[in-house]
Protein backbone atom coordinates (compact mmCIF):
# COMPACT_ATOMS: atom_id res chain seq x y z
CA UNK A 1 195.60 104.58 17.53
CA UNK A 2 195.98 108.34 17.30
CA UNK A 3 194.42 110.15 14.37
CA UNK A 4 194.89 113.57 12.84
CA UNK A 5 192.56 115.69 10.74
CA UNK A 6 194.14 116.78 7.48
CA UNK A 7 193.05 118.67 4.38
CA UNK A 8 193.85 116.78 1.19
CA UNK A 9 196.05 118.77 -1.19
CA UNK A 10 195.70 116.21 -3.98
CA UNK A 11 193.24 113.42 -4.77
CA UNK A 12 193.77 110.69 -2.16
CA UNK A 13 192.71 107.06 -2.48
CA UNK A 14 192.20 105.54 0.97
CA UNK A 15 191.28 101.88 1.60
CA UNK A 16 187.63 101.39 2.59
CA UNK A 17 186.94 99.85 6.00
CA UNK A 18 185.85 96.61 4.23
CA UNK A 19 189.08 96.42 2.20
CA UNK A 20 190.83 93.05 2.07
CA UNK A 21 193.79 92.40 -0.24
CA UNK A 22 193.17 89.96 -3.08
CA UNK A 23 194.05 86.31 -2.57
CA UNK A 24 195.35 84.32 -5.51
CA UNK A 25 195.37 80.59 -6.11
CA UNK A 26 198.32 78.61 -7.50
CA UNK A 27 197.22 79.33 -11.08
CA UNK A 28 197.24 83.10 -10.50
CA UNK A 29 193.44 83.45 -10.45
CA UNK A 30 191.89 85.74 -7.90
CA UNK A 31 190.22 83.63 -5.23
CA UNK A 32 189.15 86.19 -2.66
CA UNK A 33 189.46 89.67 -1.31
CA UNK A 34 187.45 92.85 -1.44
CA UNK A 35 189.18 95.79 -3.12
CA UNK A 36 187.32 98.95 -2.14
CA UNK A 37 188.74 102.45 -1.91
CA UNK A 38 187.36 105.85 -0.96
CA UNK A 39 188.42 108.83 -3.05
CA UNK A 40 188.95 112.21 -1.38
CA UNK A 41 189.11 115.29 -3.59
CA UNK A 42 191.53 118.17 -2.94
CA UNK A 43 190.19 120.31 -0.10
CA UNK A 44 188.35 117.47 1.65
CA UNK A 45 188.91 117.04 5.39
CA UNK A 46 189.62 113.51 6.58
CA UNK A 47 190.81 111.64 9.67
CA UNK A 48 193.89 109.49 9.15
CA UNK A 49 196.32 107.59 11.32
CA UNK A 50 198.81 110.11 12.74
CA UNK A 51 201.84 108.47 11.07
CA UNK A 52 200.15 108.41 7.64
CA UNK A 53 198.98 112.01 8.08
CA UNK A 54 202.51 113.14 9.00
CA UNK A 55 203.93 111.39 5.93
CA UNK A 56 201.42 113.11 3.62
CA UNK A 57 202.12 116.49 5.23
CA UNK A 58 205.89 115.95 4.80
CA UNK A 59 205.37 115.13 1.10
CA UNK A 60 203.26 118.26 0.62
CA UNK A 61 200.15 116.27 -0.31
CA UNK A 62 198.13 117.52 2.68
CA UNK A 63 198.01 120.17 5.38
CA UNK A 64 197.00 119.92 9.00
CA UNK A 65 193.35 120.87 9.60
CA UNK A 66 192.84 123.61 12.16
CA UNK A 67 189.32 124.18 13.45
CA UNK A 68 188.35 127.79 13.85
CA UNK A 69 186.23 128.68 16.83
CA UNK A 70 183.03 130.56 16.20
CA UNK A 71 183.11 134.08 17.60
CA UNK A 72 181.34 134.50 20.91
CA UNK A 73 178.21 136.62 20.83
CA UNK A 74 178.29 139.36 23.42
CA UNK A 75 175.11 140.28 25.29
CA UNK A 76 174.08 143.90 24.89
CA UNK A 77 175.16 146.25 27.65
CA UNK A 78 172.59 147.06 30.33
CA UNK A 79 170.64 145.19 32.95
CA UNK A 80 168.56 143.25 30.40
CA UNK A 81 165.23 144.72 31.58
CA UNK A 82 162.90 146.37 29.10
CA UNK A 83 161.79 149.92 29.88
């Protein structure tokens, strides 16, 4: 499963890893399930399935996260020996 890093543009509610849909008995009473979600605020970076990430980007609810490389530190000119 491919994932993409996105930046949330709106509050997103994503199912928790322990999420299980509710089960109902014949009388309509809840008999099982574990409804847990994780809320991501606008500006949060999260990993999502690539298809879900593409759909959110197409709707304008998220943007693709681009990591910026840290600038390389240049060694001072010279032979490195103290005088």
